[in-house]
Amino acid sequence: MLEELLRRFSDAYAAAKAAESARDARIADLSKAGVPETLARRVANLPVLKAAPDIALVADRAGKPVGEVTATYFATEAFFQLDSVASAVPNIVVSDYFDRLALDRALDSIGDAERRLTAAMVANGHAGADAVEEWVRPRQAEVERIRSAIHQIAGSGLTLSKLSVAASLLGDLARQ
């Protein structure tokens, strides 16, 4: 059982590394800034490594190949600009235990919504951007309303309240 879990995680990580197009650009940017290439590669792979457990979990639950889930996971992330939201999280100022708790819960909610949305999207028989497009089509108006709000949130200086709203909106969409 442990061997199977490790194999699935390894497969998810390998597929995620291959699917992450921004990784190569990040490596180039870091190298231009004087970061040694080996270190630049490791740093650029961190977001992909972080996604691997979610990808493996969705692939297991959905009974879909890791490669399809990986492509769809990153297409979902790009569609909603969740990578922009996540990269702005370290700039959120938390002043006490309850702010930290609210931040953690909002991030957990976004992660849960992203996994649910990815699973729903791969269930339509497509993968990657095609799966996103196919899933969005019958709920276009609602998705665009939520997507627009998240894009606005991602580009307007992330705060704890904005992050909470984004998490709530994504959660609503994932429950449909």
Protein backbone atom coordinates (compact mmCIF):
# COMPACT_ATOMS: atom_id res chain seq x y z
CA MET A 1 0.00 0.00 0.00
CA LEU A 2 2.80 2.45 0.85
CA GLU A 3 4.59 1.57 -2.38
CA GLU A 4 1.43 2.33 -4.36
CA LEU A 5 0.98 5.67 -2.60
CA LEU A 6 4.60 6.62 -3.26
CA ARG A 7 4.28 5.58 -6.90
CA ARG A 8 1.11 7.67 -7.32
CA PHE A 9 2.75 10.67 -5.66
CA SER A 10 5.85 10.23 -7.81
CA ASP A 11 3.71 9.94 -10.96
CA ALA A 12 1.74 13.05 -10.01
CA TYR A 13 4.90 15.00 -9.34
CA ALA A 14 6.52 13.91 -12.61
CA ALA A 15 3.40 14.79 -14.61
CA ALA A 16 3.01 18.10 -12.81
CA LYS A 17 6.62 19.02 -13.55
CA ALA A 18 6.10 18.30 -17.22
CA ALA A 19 2.85 20.27 -17.39
CA GLU A 20 4.01 23.42 -15.66
CA SER A 21 4.97 25.74 -18.53
CA ALA A 22 5.74 28.69 -16.28
CA ARG A 23 8.51 26.68 -14.67
CA ASP A 24 10.94 27.15 -17.54
CA ALA A 25 10.30 30.89 -17.62
CA ARG A 26 10.92 31.08 -13.88
CA ILE A 27 14.20 29.18 -14.26
CA ALA A 28 15.30 31.62 -16.97
CA ASP A 29 14.36 34.63 -14.83
CA LEU A 30 16.21 33.29 -11.82
CA SER A 31 19.27 32.41 -13.90
CA LYS A 32 19.32 35.92 -15.41
CA ALA A 33 19.29 37.28 -11.87
CA GLY A 34 22.43 35.30 -11.09
CA VAL A 35 20.93 32.29 -9.32
CA PRO A 36 22.88 29.10 -10.11
CA GLU A 37 20.91 26.90 -12.54
CA THR A 38 20.58 23.93 -10.15
CA LEU A 39 19.12 26.15 -7.44
CA ALA A 40 16.92 27.98 -9.96
CA ARG A 41 15.44 24.63 -11.06
CA ARG A 42 14.73 23.61 -7.49
CA VAL A 43 13.06 26.90 -6.66
CA ALA A 44 11.02 26.85 -9.88
CA ASN A 45 9.77 23.32 -9.09
CA LEU A 46 8.44 24.21 -5.63
CA PRO A 47 4.91 25.20 -6.79
CA VAL A 48 4.65 21.99 -8.78
CA LEU A 49 5.85 19.90 -5.86
CA LYS A 50 3.22 21.59 -3.70
CA ALA A 51 0.48 20.59 -6.18
CA ALA A 52 1.52 16.93 -6.52
CA PRO A 53 -0.43 15.59 -3.49
CA ASP A 54 -3.62 17.34 -4.64
CA ILE A 55 -3.18 15.96 -8.15
CA ALA A 56 -2.60 12.43 -6.86
CA LEU A 57 -5.65 12.70 -4.59
CA VAL A 58 -7.93 13.89 -7.42
CA ALA A 59 -6.57 11.22 -9.77
CA ASP A 60 -7.27 8.50 -7.19
CA ARG A 61 -10.76 9.73 -6.35
CA ALA A 62 -11.74 10.40 -9.97
CA GLY A 63 -10.14 7.23 -11.31
CA LYS A 64 -8.40 9.27 -14.01
CA PRO A 65 -4.81 9.19 -15.26
CA VAL A 66 -2.43 11.49 -13.43
CA GLY A 67 -1.44 13.25 -16.66
CA GLU A 68 -5.05 14.23 -17.43
CA VAL A 69 -5.63 15.44 -13.89
CA THR A 70 -2.34 17.38 -13.91
CA ALA A 71 -3.19 19.20 -17.14
CA THR A 72 -6.68 19.99 -15.86
CA TYR A 73 -5.47 21.08 -12.41
CA PHE A 74 -3.08 23.64 -13.88
CA ALA A 75 -5.63 24.75 -16.50
CA THR A 76 -8.13 25.34 -13.68
CA GLU A 77 -5.53 27.26 -11.71
CA ALA A 78 -4.73 29.44 -14.72
CA PHE A 79 -8.39 29.97 -15.66
CA PHE A 80 -9.21 31.39 -12.22
CA GLN A 81 -5.75 32.99 -11.69
CA LEU A 82 -5.32 31.05 -8.47
CA ASP A 83 -1.56 31.17 -8.91
CA SER A 84 -1.75 34.99 -8.71
CA VAL A 85 -3.86 34.77 -5.59
CA ALA A 86 -1.46 32.28 -3.99
CA SER A 87 1.61 34.35 -4.81
CA ALA A 88 0.07 37.39 -3.08
CA VAL A 89 -0.77 35.53 0.16
CA PRO A 90 2.63 36.18 1.82
CA ASN A 91 1.90 39.92 1.60
CA ILE A 92 -1.22 39.63 3.74
CA VAL A 93 -0.62 41.06 7.20
CA VAL A 94 -2.06 39.00 10.03
CA SER A 95 -2.12 40.59 13.45
CA ASP A 96 -3.27 37.81 15.72
CA TYR A 97 -4.16 34.15 16.09
CA PHE A 98 -7.63 34.61 14.63
CA ASP A 99 -6.32 36.40 11.53
CA ARG A 100 -3.90 33.50 11.00
CA LEU A 101 -6.74 31.03 11.51
CA ALA A 102 -8.94 32.91 9.01
CA LEU A 103 -6.08 32.96 6.50
CA ASP A 104 -5.44 29.24 6.89
CA ARG A 105 -9.14 28.41 6.55
CA ALA A 106 -9.48 30.54 3.41
CA LEU A 107 -6.46 28.82 1.84
CA ASP A 108 -7.86 25.41 2.79
CA SER A 109 -11.19 26.35 1.22
CA ILE A 110 -9.52 27.47 -2.00
CA GLY A 111 -7.53 24.23 -2.14
CA ASP A 112 -10.65 22.15 -1.55
CA ALA A 113 -12.54 24.07 -4.24
CA GLU A 114 -9.68 23.65 -6.71
CA ARG A 115 -9.61 19.89 -6.12
CA ARG A 116 -13.40 19.61 -6.47
CA LEU A 117 -13.46 21.72 -9.62
CA THR A 118 -10.62 19.72 -11.15
CA ALA A 119 -12.41 16.45 -10.38
CA ALA A 120 -15.65 17.74 -11.91
CA MET A 121 -13.79 18.93 -14.98
CA VAL A 122 -11.91 15.68 -15.66
CA ALA A 123 -15.17 13.77 -15.24
CA ASN A 124 -16.42 15.22 -18.55
CA GLY A 125 -14.06 13.07 -20.60
CA HIS A 126 -11.63 15.85 -21.50
CA ALA A 127 -8.34 17.05 -20.05
CA GLY A 128 -6.54 20.35 -19.61
CA ALA A 129 -8.03 23.52 -21.06
CA ASP A 130 -10.57 21.44 -23.02
CA ALA A 131 -11.93 20.00 -19.77
CA VAL A 132 -12.22 23.49 -18.27
CA GLU A 133 -13.97 24.83 -21.37
CA GLU A 134 -16.38 21.89 -21.52
CA TRP A 135 -17.26 22.23 -17.82
CA VAL A 136 -17.71 26.00 -18.03
CA ARG A 137 -19.99 25.96 -21.09
CA PRO A 138 -23.32 25.04 -19.37
CA ARG A 139 -22.70 27.44 -16.47
CA GLN A 140 -21.02 30.25 -18.40
CA ALA A 141 -22.71 33.25 -16.74
CA GLU A 142 -22.11 32.11 -13.15
CA VAL A 143 -18.53 31.03 -13.85
CA GLU A 144 -17.67 34.29 -15.58
CA ARG A 145 -19.13 36.31 -12.71
CA ILE A 146 -17.01 34.41 -10.20
CA ARG A 147 -13.93 34.35 -12.44
CA SER A 148 -14.16 38.11 -12.96
CA ALA A 149 -14.42 38.70 -9.21
CA ILE A 150 -11.41 36.47 -8.52
CA HIS A 151 -9.36 38.20 -11.24
CA GLN A 152 -10.29 41.55 -9.71
CA ILE A 153 -9.30 40.28 -6.26
CA ALA A 154 -6.00 38.88 -7.59
CA GLY A 155 -5.08 42.18 -9.19
CA SER A 156 -6.16 44.63 -6.51
CA GLY A 157 -3.88 44.04 -3.55
CA LEU A 158 -4.87 40.92 -1.67
CA THR A 159 -6.22 41.31 1.84
CA LEU A 160 -7.59 38.76 4.27
CA SER A 161 -11.16 39.81 3.51
CA LYS A 162 -10.60 39.58 -0.26
CA LEU A 163 -9.03 36.15 0.13
CA SER A 164 -12.04 35.03 2.18
CA VAL A 165 -14.42 36.27 -0.51
CA ALA A 166 -12.44 34.46 -3.23
CA ALA A 167 -12.52 31.26 -1.19
CA SER A 168 -16.26 31.57 -0.66
CA LEU A 169 -16.96 32.21 -4.34
CA LEU A 170 -14.87 29.24 -5.45
CA GLY A 171 -16.51 27.07 -2.82
CA ASP A 172 -19.95 28.05 -4.10
CA LEU A 173 -18.94 27.16 -7.64
CA ALA A 174 -17.40 23.84 -6.60
CA ARG A 175 -20.64 22.81 -4.85
CA GLN A 176 -22.76 23.29 -7.99
